[in-house]
């Protein structure tokens, strides 16, 4: 039952956090062991358990077992409650020691609490080292990277972020057991921290960089955002819609100006801005098609859903790749408009936009690209077959491929401010 449950949770975490675990072979297949890891989030016991075959018995704050869903989840993964009040630590230690002596794997977080910065705290509690030293069990260091960005201590709920778990080569306590306690325990803790920090530091630096990016001033309106507004205004004006036809584009340009000058910046504000040209073009699409004399697009909700799914993986990729994809989507819309003018087709947007997203995902090897590309290609072919295939549809498909080729040939150029200091969250220059 535990294996079925962990498989389901792992599938969910791979989607939400692009979760992966490396080095799980370093956890002994049998016999006692002590797992010690950094502690960036509430998710840590689950993250450490998902890809290992042996259950890990974690010490966990007893209050967590009273949190709905979370308590049941960590109990399923083998956690046992610990009373953290003063004077109760020895009781928890003796319980963990009994589990190790019985041949089980026990997991501890030497920091004793969730990290306040993302780094592993410099002053660690000696419980994990002492447990290994007294019992002779292997001490297995583990690094959890990305979880601080997903669920830091000051945030009520988790959010999507790339999470990686790495199990390091086990530390054999045998050489330390002949040393005095006051020498052996600090030496074990120092080696543990060295191994964890070696792979943690790049991830924490990336998290700090992302915090800088999300808090930085918004860029002024980008060329492809202005182009989206201009395309809609020109299409409506040229086909007799009158001066009122520029109002949607004017409203969108006004939003861009407000975001640039007045909207407080955050992760959410940045992503709303990044996807705004695609949302604007989707919202304006029906009016533009009517102006062009093209048939309405059936199953519009399906098209919106498939494009939303195509955009989702770009939450996890590098900014340059994400912005290249979104800018290319604007070009795909523009080429689809030209194709509609030459050969009107109700199935055209379904085919062109899905094929663009598939081609880009394959070439850029984005997150989930194998699954995303297969679904998008099937959609680009299947939707037109259901709606009505025609010879002219090849023109629409060609537009999607041209847009992908252009985007990949000319990647988006990021204008970055000075990120040399992680201490400031207000760089002088805008960061996109």
Protein backbone atom coordinates (compact mmCIF):
# COMPACT_ATOMS: atom_id res chain seq x y z
CA UNK A 1 0.00 0.00 0.00
CA UNK A 2 2.86 2.38 0.85
CA UNK A 3 4.46 1.76 -2.56
CA UNK A 4 1.19 2.57 -4.39
CA UNK A 5 0.73 5.73 -2.36
CA UNK A 6 4.30 6.91 -2.89
CA UNK A 7 4.03 6.27 -6.63
CA UNK A 8 0.94 8.49 -6.83
CA UNK A 9 2.57 11.24 -4.75
CA UNK A 10 5.74 11.01 -6.81
CA UNK A 11 3.76 11.48 -10.04
CA UNK A 12 2.06 14.54 -8.55
CA UNK A 13 5.36 15.99 -7.31
CA UNK A 14 6.99 15.46 -10.71
CA UNK A 15 4.30 17.66 -12.25
CA UNK A 16 4.17 20.32 -9.52
CA UNK A 17 7.88 20.47 -8.69
CA UNK A 18 9.61 18.58 -11.55
CA UNK A 19 10.87 16.46 -8.65
CA UNK A 20 13.82 14.14 -9.08
CA UNK A 21 16.04 12.14 -6.73
CA UNK A 22 19.65 11.22 -7.40
CA UNK A 23 22.03 8.90 -5.58
CA UNK A 24 19.39 6.81 -3.85
CA UNK A 25 21.70 3.82 -4.31
CA UNK A 26 23.85 5.36 -1.55
CA UNK A 27 21.19 4.38 0.98
CA UNK A 28 22.07 0.84 2.20
CA UNK A 29 19.71 -1.85 0.92
CA UNK A 30 19.68 -3.48 4.36
CA UNK A 31 20.91 -2.83 7.85
CA UNK A 32 20.72 0.29 10.04
CA UNK A 33 21.39 3.77 8.67
CA UNK A 34 20.93 7.39 9.70
CA UNK A 35 19.82 9.87 7.00
CA UNK A 36 20.67 13.51 7.76
CA UNK A 37 19.58 16.34 5.45
CA UNK A 38 19.08 20.08 5.31
CA UNK A 39 15.57 21.21 6.25
CA UNK A 40 14.17 23.89 3.89
CA UNK A 41 10.44 23.00 4.01
CA UNK A 42 7.59 20.96 5.49
CA UNK A 43 7.82 18.69 2.43
CA UNK A 44 11.26 17.33 3.30
CA UNK A 45 10.33 13.92 4.82
CA UNK A 46 8.18 13.19 1.77
CA UNK A 47 10.82 14.39 -0.69
CA UNK A 48 13.47 12.16 0.85
CA UNK A 49 11.19 9.10 0.84
CA UNK A 50 9.65 9.10 -2.63
CA UNK A 51 12.30 7.27 -4.65
CA UNK A 52 13.88 5.04 -2.01
CA UNK A 53 12.67 1.50 -1.44
CA UNK A 54 13.22 1.39 2.30
CA UNK A 55 10.93 3.37 4.61
CA UNK A 56 12.73 6.15 6.49
CA UNK A 57 11.52 6.77 10.05
CA UNK A 58 11.69 10.53 10.54
CA UNK A 59 11.57 12.43 13.76
CA UNK A 60 8.89 15.07 13.20
CA UNK A 61 7.49 17.84 15.35
CA UNK A 62 4.37 16.44 17.00
CA UNK A 63 2.33 19.52 16.03
CA UNK A 64 2.68 18.56 12.34
CA UNK A 65 0.62 15.42 12.94
CA UNK A 66 -2.33 17.65 13.82
CA UNK A 67 -2.19 19.51 10.46
CA UNK A 68 -4.94 18.20 8.13
CA UNK A 69 -3.61 16.04 5.27
CA UNK A 70 0.03 16.81 6.13
CA UNK A 71 -0.14 14.75 9.33
CA UNK A 72 -1.58 11.74 7.54
CA UNK A 73 0.93 12.13 4.71
CA UNK A 74 4.06 12.19 6.88
CA UNK A 75 2.73 9.34 9.03
CA UNK A 76 2.34 7.25 5.86
CA UNK A 77 5.97 7.93 5.07
CA UNK A 78 7.12 6.58 8.42
CA UNK A 79 7.50 9.73 10.52
CA UNK A 80 6.99 9.48 14.25
CA UNK A 81 6.01 12.39 16.53
CA UNK A 82 8.54 14.06 18.80
CA UNK A 83 7.71 16.36 21.69
CA UNK A 84 10.04 19.33 21.16
CA UNK A 85 9.47 20.89 24.56
CA UNK A 86 12.48 21.44 26.79
CA UNK A 87 13.53 18.28 28.59
CA UNK A 88 11.85 15.91 26.11
CA UNK A 89 14.78 15.55 23.69
CA UNK A 90 16.35 12.56 25.40
CA UNK A 91 13.13 10.57 25.10
CA UNK A 92 12.98 11.23 21.34
CA UNK A 93 16.64 10.29 20.93
CA UNK A 94 16.23 6.99 22.75
CA UNK A 95 13.28 6.10 20.52
CA UNK A 96 15.32 6.85 17.39
CA UNK A 97 18.25 4.85 18.75
CA UNK A 98 16.02 1.83 19.38
CA UNK A 99 14.81 1.98 15.77
CA UNK A 100 18.39 2.10 14.45
CA UNK A 101 19.46 -0.80 16.66
CA UNK A 102 16.54 -2.82 15.27
CA UNK A 103 18.00 -2.39 11.76
CA UNK A 104 15.79 0.42 10.47
CA UNK A 105 16.61 3.69 8.70
CA UNK A 106 16.04 6.83 10.76
CA UNK A 107 15.97 10.31 9.28
CA UNK A 108 16.88 13.50 11.12
CA UNK A 109 17.29 17.16 10.29
CA UNK A 110 20.34 18.41 12.22
CA UNK A 111 19.20 22.03 11.95
CA UNK A 112 16.30 21.20 14.27
CA UNK A 113 13.92 23.52 12.43
CA UNK A 114 13.15 24.72 8.93
CA UNK A 115 15.82 26.92 7.40
CA UNK A 116 15.24 30.66 7.58
CA UNK A 117 17.49 31.43 4.61
CA UNK A 118 17.65 28.33 2.40
CA UNK A 119 21.23 27.60 3.49
CA UNK A 120 22.04 24.83 5.95
CA UNK A 121 22.38 26.48 9.36
CA UNK A 122 26.02 26.75 10.55
CA UNK A 123 25.25 25.45 14.04
CA UNK A 124 23.86 21.91 13.84
CA UNK A 125 22.44 19.72 16.55
CA UNK A 126 24.53 16.65 17.24
CA UNK A 127 21.68 14.06 17.29
CA UNK A 128 22.36 12.54 13.86
CA UNK A 129 26.12 12.35 14.41
CA UNK A 130 25.69 10.93 17.92
CA UNK A 131 23.19 8.33 16.71
CA UNK A 132 25.63 7.12 14.05
CA UNK A 133 28.63 7.27 16.41
CA UNK A 134 26.95 5.34 19.22
CA UNK A 135 25.31 2.64 17.07
CA UNK A 136 27.88 2.27 14.29
CA UNK A 137 25.18 2.86 11.67
CA UNK A 138 26.19 4.53 8.40
CA UNK A 139 25.50 8.27 8.27
CA UNK A 140 23.96 9.14 4.88
CA UNK A 141 24.00 12.89 4.03
CA UNK A 142 21.25 14.16 1.73
CA UNK A 143 20.71 17.53 0.04
CA UNK A 144 17.29 18.99 -0.76
CA UNK A 145 17.58 21.82 -3.31
CA UNK A 146 14.69 23.98 -4.48
CA UNK A 147 12.26 23.18 -1.66
CA UNK A 148 12.94 26.52 0.04
CA UNK A 149 11.64 28.31 -3.03
CA UNK A 150 8.65 25.94 -3.19
CA UNK A 151 7.61 26.28 0.46
CA UNK A 152 9.70 28.65 2.62
CA UNK A 153 8.91 29.10 6.31
CA UNK A 154 7.04 32.38 5.75
CA UNK A 155 4.64 31.00 3.12
CA UNK A 156 1.30 29.37 3.96
CA UNK A 157 1.10 27.03 0.97
CA UNK A 158 3.60 25.52 -1.50
CA UNK A 159 4.03 26.78 -5.06
CA UNK A 160 5.60 25.22 -8.18
CA UNK A 161 9.41 25.11 -8.17
CA UNK A 162 12.09 22.73 -9.40
CA UNK A 163 13.13 20.38 -6.54
CA UNK A 164 16.10 18.01 -6.53
CA UNK A 165 17.09 15.52 -3.82
CA UNK A 166 20.58 14.06 -3.79
CA UNK A 167 21.80 11.26 -1.51
CA UNK A 168 25.55 11.42 -0.97
CA UNK A 169 28.02 8.64 -0.29
CA UNK A 170 27.54 7.33 3.25
CA UNK A 171 29.93 8.32 6.03
CA UNK A 172 31.29 5.30 7.91
CA UNK A 173 31.49 6.22 11.61
CA UNK A 174 34.06 3.47 12.36
CA UNK A 175 37.14 5.77 12.11
CA UNK A 176 35.47 8.23 14.50
CA UNK A 177 34.39 5.72 17.15
CA UNK A 178 37.86 5.43 18.58
CA UNK A 179 37.99 9.19 19.20
CA UNK A 180 36.66 11.04 22.23
CA UNK A 181 33.07 12.24 21.94
CA UNK A 182 34.07 15.92 21.99
CA UNK A 183 36.31 15.31 18.95
CA UNK A 184 34.30 12.73 17.02
CA UNK A 185 30.89 14.42 16.98
CA UNK A 186 32.08 17.84 15.66
CA UNK A 187 34.18 16.02 13.03
CA UNK A 188 31.20 13.93 11.87
CA UNK A 189 28.98 17.02 11.72
CA UNK A 190 31.61 18.94 9.76
CA UNK A 191 31.91 16.17 7.18
CA UNK A 192 28.12 15.91 6.97
CA UNK A 193 27.76 19.65 6.39
CA UNK A 194 30.56 19.72 3.83
CA UNK A 195 28.86 17.07 1.70
CA UNK A 196 25.41 18.66 1.96
CA UNK A 197 26.65 22.19 1.24
CA UNK A 198 28.66 21.08 -1.80
CA UNK A 199 25.47 20.43 -3.79
CA UNK A 200 23.18 22.79 -1.85
CA UNK A 201 25.03 26.03 -2.55
CA UNK A 202 24.33 26.20 -6.32
CA UNK A 203 20.62 25.62 -5.68
CA UNK A 204 20.41 28.26 -2.94
CA UNK A 205 22.23 30.77 -5.11
CA UNK A 206 19.72 30.07 -7.88
CA UNK A 207 16.85 30.58 -5.41
CA UNK A 208 18.32 33.91 -4.29
CA UNK A 209 18.73 34.94 -7.90
CA UNK A 210 15.07 34.14 -8.58
CA UNK A 211 14.05 36.24 -5.56
CA UNK A 212 16.04 39.11 -7.04
CA UNK A 213 14.39 38.65 -10.40
CA UNK A 214 10.85 38.53 -9.08
CA UNK A 215 11.34 41.62 -6.90
CA UNK A 216 13.10 43.66 -9.61
CA UNK A 217 11.36 46.53 -11.42
CA UNK A 218 9.24 45.54 -14.41
CA UNK A 219 10.69 46.12 -17.88
CA UNK A 220 9.16 48.73 -20.15
CA UNK A 221 6.76 47.37 -22.81
CA UNK A 222 8.59 44.76 -24.89
CA UNK A 223 8.60 44.71 -28.68
CA UNK A 224 6.48 41.54 -28.99
CA UNK A 225 3.93 42.89 -26.48
CA UNK A 226 3.51 46.11 -28.46
CA UNK A 227 3.39 44.04 -31.67
CA UNK A 228 0.50 41.99 -30.29
CA UNK A 229 -1.48 45.17 -29.58
CA UNK A 230 -0.61 46.62 -32.99
CA UNK A 231 -1.60 43.45 -34.89
CA UNK A 232 -5.05 43.38 -33.33
CA UNK A 233 -5.62 47.12 -33.87
CA UNK A 234 -4.50 46.96 -37.53
CA UNK A 235 -6.59 43.87 -38.29
CA UNK A 236 -9.73 45.46 -36.86
CA UNK A 237 -9.14 48.92 -38.36
CA UNK A 238 -8.39 47.65 -41.87
CA UNK A 239 -11.61 45.69 -42.00
CA UNK A 240 -13.99 48.49 -41.17
CA UNK A 241 -14.40 48.18 -37.41
CA UNK A 242 -14.01 51.93 -36.81
CA UNK A 243 -12.04 53.88 -34.19
CA UNK A 244 -13.58 51.83 -31.37
CA UNK A 245 -11.61 48.83 -32.64
CA UNK A 246 -8.42 50.22 -31.11
CA UNK A 247 -9.87 50.22 -27.59
CA UNK A 248 -8.78 46.63 -26.69
CA UNK A 249 -5.24 47.36 -27.86
CA UNK A 250 -5.21 50.69 -26.04
CA UNK A 251 -6.38 48.98 -22.85
CA UNK A 252 -3.65 46.36 -23.15
CA UNK A 253 -0.97 49.01 -23.73
CA UNK A 254 -2.29 50.87 -20.69
CA UNK A 255 -1.87 47.70 -18.61
CA UNK A 256 1.72 47.37 -19.82
CA UNK A 257 2.42 50.96 -18.80
CA UNK A 258 0.85 50.50 -15.37
CA UNK A 259 2.83 47.32 -14.77
CA UNK A 260 6.02 49.08 -15.79
CA UNK A 261 5.51 52.08 -13.52
CA UNK A 262 3.12 51.24 -10.68
CA UNK A 263 2.37 47.52 -10.11
CA UNK A 264 4.34 46.02 -7.17
CA UNK A 265 6.48 43.25 -8.57
CA UNK A 266 6.31 39.61 -7.48
CA UNK A 267 6.47 36.13 -8.98
CA UNK A 268 2.77 36.30 -9.86
CA UNK A 269 2.98 39.81 -11.32
CA UNK A 270 5.95 38.79 -13.47
CA UNK A 271 4.21 35.72 -14.86
CA UNK A 272 0.95 37.57 -15.56
CA UNK A 273 2.98 40.09 -17.51
CA UNK A 274 4.96 37.41 -19.36
CA UNK A 275 1.88 35.52 -20.57
CA UNK A 276 -0.20 38.68 -21.13
CA UNK A 277 0.38 38.95 -24.93
CA UNK A 278 -0.80 35.37 -25.44
CA UNK A 279 -3.86 35.95 -23.25
CA UNK A 280 -4.60 39.21 -25.09
CA UNK A 281 -4.38 37.55 -28.50
CA UNK A 282 -6.58 34.64 -27.41
CA UNK A 283 -9.19 37.07 -26.05
CA UNK A 284 -9.07 39.20 -29.21
CA UNK A 285 -9.01 36.22 -31.59
CA UNK A 286 -12.78 35.88 -32.20
CA UNK A 287 -13.10 39.58 -33.13
CA UNK A 288 -10.06 39.41 -35.41
CA UNK A 289 -11.41 36.30 -37.19
CA UNK A 290 -14.76 37.99 -37.76
CA UNK A 291 -12.98 41.02 -39.17
CA UNK A 292 -10.97 38.79 -41.52
CA UNK A 293 -14.12 37.00 -42.64
CA UNK A 294 -12.88 33.67 -41.29
CA UNK A 295 -15.16 31.09 -39.69
CA UNK A 296 -15.32 31.03 -35.87
CA UNK A 297 -13.06 28.58 -34.10
CA UNK A 298 -15.04 25.66 -32.65
CA UNK A 299 -14.03 24.14 -29.31
CA UNK A 300 -12.32 27.34 -28.24
CA UNK A 301 -12.14 26.13 -24.63
CA UNK A 302 -10.13 23.09 -25.76
CA UNK A 303 -7.67 25.35 -27.59
CA UNK A 304 -7.25 27.54 -24.51
CA UNK A 305 -6.73 24.46 -22.33
CA UNK A 306 -4.11 22.91 -24.62
CA UNK A 307 -2.19 26.19 -24.83
CA UNK A 308 -2.34 26.64 -21.05
CA UNK A 309 -0.92 23.14 -20.66
CA UNK A 310 1.78 23.91 -23.23
CA UNK A 311 2.82 27.05 -21.34
CA UNK A 312 2.90 25.44 -17.88
CA UNK A 313 6.31 23.68 -18.20
CA UNK A 314 7.95 27.03 -18.90
CA UNK A 315 7.45 27.92 -15.24
CA UNK A 316 10.47 25.66 -14.59
CA UNK A 317 12.84 26.50 -17.43
CA UNK A 318 15.37 29.29 -17.81
CA UNK A 319 13.90 32.74 -18.36
CA UNK A 320 15.49 33.06 -21.76
CA UNK A 321 13.82 29.86 -22.98
CA UNK A 322 10.45 30.83 -21.51
CA UNK A 323 10.52 34.31 -23.03
CA UNK A 324 11.66 32.93 -26.40
CA UNK A 325 8.68 30.56 -26.37
CA UNK A 326 6.17 33.29 -25.44
CA UNK A 327 7.54 35.73 -27.99
CA UNK A 328 7.40 32.99 -30.63
CA UNK A 329 3.77 32.34 -29.72
CA UNK A 330 2.97 35.93 -30.70
CA UNK A 331 4.61 35.31 -34.08
CA UNK A 332 2.61 32.07 -34.43
CA UNK A 333 -0.60 34.05 -33.87
CA UNK A 334 0.49 36.62 -36.47
CA UNK A 335 1.30 33.96 -39.08
CA UNK A 336 -1.97 32.21 -38.32
CA UNK A 337 -3.78 35.51 -38.99
CA UNK A 338 -2.02 35.76 -42.35
CA UNK A 339 -2.95 32.18 -43.15
CA UNK A 340 -6.59 32.90 -42.30
CA UNK A 341 -6.55 35.82 -44.74
CA UNK A 342 -5.23 33.54 -47.50
CA UNK A 343 -7.15 30.34 -46.66
CA UNK A 344 -9.82 30.66 -43.96
CA UNK A 345 -10.07 27.56 -41.79
CA UNK A 346 -11.94 26.88 -38.57
CA UNK A 347 -9.33 24.25 -37.65
CA UNK A 348 -6.34 26.47 -38.47
CA UNK A 349 -5.67 27.89 -34.95
CA UNK A 350 -5.91 24.41 -33.40
CA UNK A 351 -3.35 23.03 -35.84
CA UNK A 352 -0.93 25.96 -36.08
CA UNK A 353 -0.63 26.92 -32.41
CA UNK A 354 -0.40 23.35 -31.10
CA UNK A 355 2.21 22.42 -33.72
CA UNK A 356 4.24 25.52 -32.82
CA UNK A 357 4.26 24.53 -29.15
CA UNK A 358 5.17 20.92 -30.00
CA UNK A 359 8.02 21.88 -32.33
CA UNK A 360 9.48 24.32 -29.81
CA UNK A 361 9.29 21.79 -26.95
CA UNK A 362 11.06 19.13 -29.03
CA UNK A 363 13.85 21.42 -30.19
CA UNK A 364 14.40 23.14 -26.82
CA UNK A 365 14.09 19.89 -24.79
CA UNK A 366 11.92 21.64 -22.23
CA UNK A 367 10.58 20.05 -19.04
CA UNK A 368 8.20 17.15 -19.81
CA UNK A 369 8.97 17.69 -23.50
CA UNK A 370 8.45 14.04 -24.49
CA UNK A 371 4.95 13.93 -23.01
CA UNK A 372 4.05 17.50 -23.99
CA UNK A 373 5.22 17.09 -27.60
CA UNK A 374 3.34 13.82 -28.08
CA UNK A 375 0.09 15.32 -26.75
CA UNK A 376 0.48 18.52 -28.77
CA UNK A 377 1.25 16.70 -32.04
CA UNK A 378 -1.75 14.40 -31.55
CA UNK A 379 -3.89 17.46 -30.87
CA UNK A 380 -2.54 19.37 -33.90
CA UNK A 381 -3.55 16.42 -36.11
CA UNK A 382 -6.61 15.13 -34.27
CA UNK A 383 -8.47 18.40 -33.77
CA UNK A 384 -8.48 19.31 -37.49
CA UNK A 385 -9.59 15.77 -38.39
CA UNK A 386 -12.59 16.17 -36.08
CA UNK A 387 -13.36 19.74 -37.15
CA UNK A 388 -12.71 19.34 -40.88
CA UNK A 389 -9.43 18.80 -42.70
CA UNK A 390 -8.66 20.68 -45.91
CA UNK A 391 -5.74 21.03 -48.29
CA UNK A 392 -5.18 24.64 -47.22
CA UNK A 393 -4.56 23.52 -43.66
CA UNK A 394 -0.94 22.85 -44.64
CA UNK A 395 -0.50 26.61 -44.89
CA UNK A 396 -1.56 26.99 -41.25
CA UNK A 397 0.73 24.16 -40.13
CA UNK A 398 3.61 25.77 -42.00
CA UNK A 399 3.02 29.00 -40.08
CA UNK A 400 3.39 27.18 -36.77
CA UNK A 401 6.65 25.55 -37.87
CA UNK A 402 8.05 28.83 -39.21
CA UNK A 403 7.30 30.56 -35.91
CA UNK A 404 9.10 27.81 -33.97
CA UNK A 405 12.10 27.91 -36.32
CA UNK A 406 12.36 31.70 -36.03
CA UNK A 407 12.13 31.65 -32.24
CA UNK A 408 14.81 28.97 -31.92
CA UNK A 409 17.09 30.69 -34.44
CA UNK A 410 16.81 34.06 -32.67
CA UNK A 411 16.52 33.49 -28.92
CA UNK A 412 15.08 36.23 -26.76
CA UNK A 413 17.69 38.68 -25.48
CA UNK A 414 17.36 39.35 -21.75
CA UNK A 415 18.24 42.73 -20.35
CA UNK A 416 19.57 42.04 -16.87
CA UNK A 417 20.50 44.43 -14.12
CA UNK A 418 23.36 43.99 -11.69
CA UNK A 419 22.85 40.72 -9.78
CA UNK A 420 26.25 40.56 -8.18
CA UNK A 421 24.86 41.06 -4.67
CA UNK A 422 22.22 38.76 -3.25
CA UNK A 423 21.75 41.12 -0.33
CA UNK A 424 19.65 43.62 -2.26
CA UNK A 425 16.22 42.91 -3.66
CA UNK A 426 16.02 46.15 -5.59
CA UNK A 427 18.44 46.15 -8.53
CA UNK A 428 18.95 49.47 -10.26
CA UNK A 429 17.94 48.20 -13.69
CA UNK A 430 14.77 46.36 -14.76
CA UNK A 431 14.97 42.58 -15.02
CA UNK A 432 12.63 40.70 -17.29
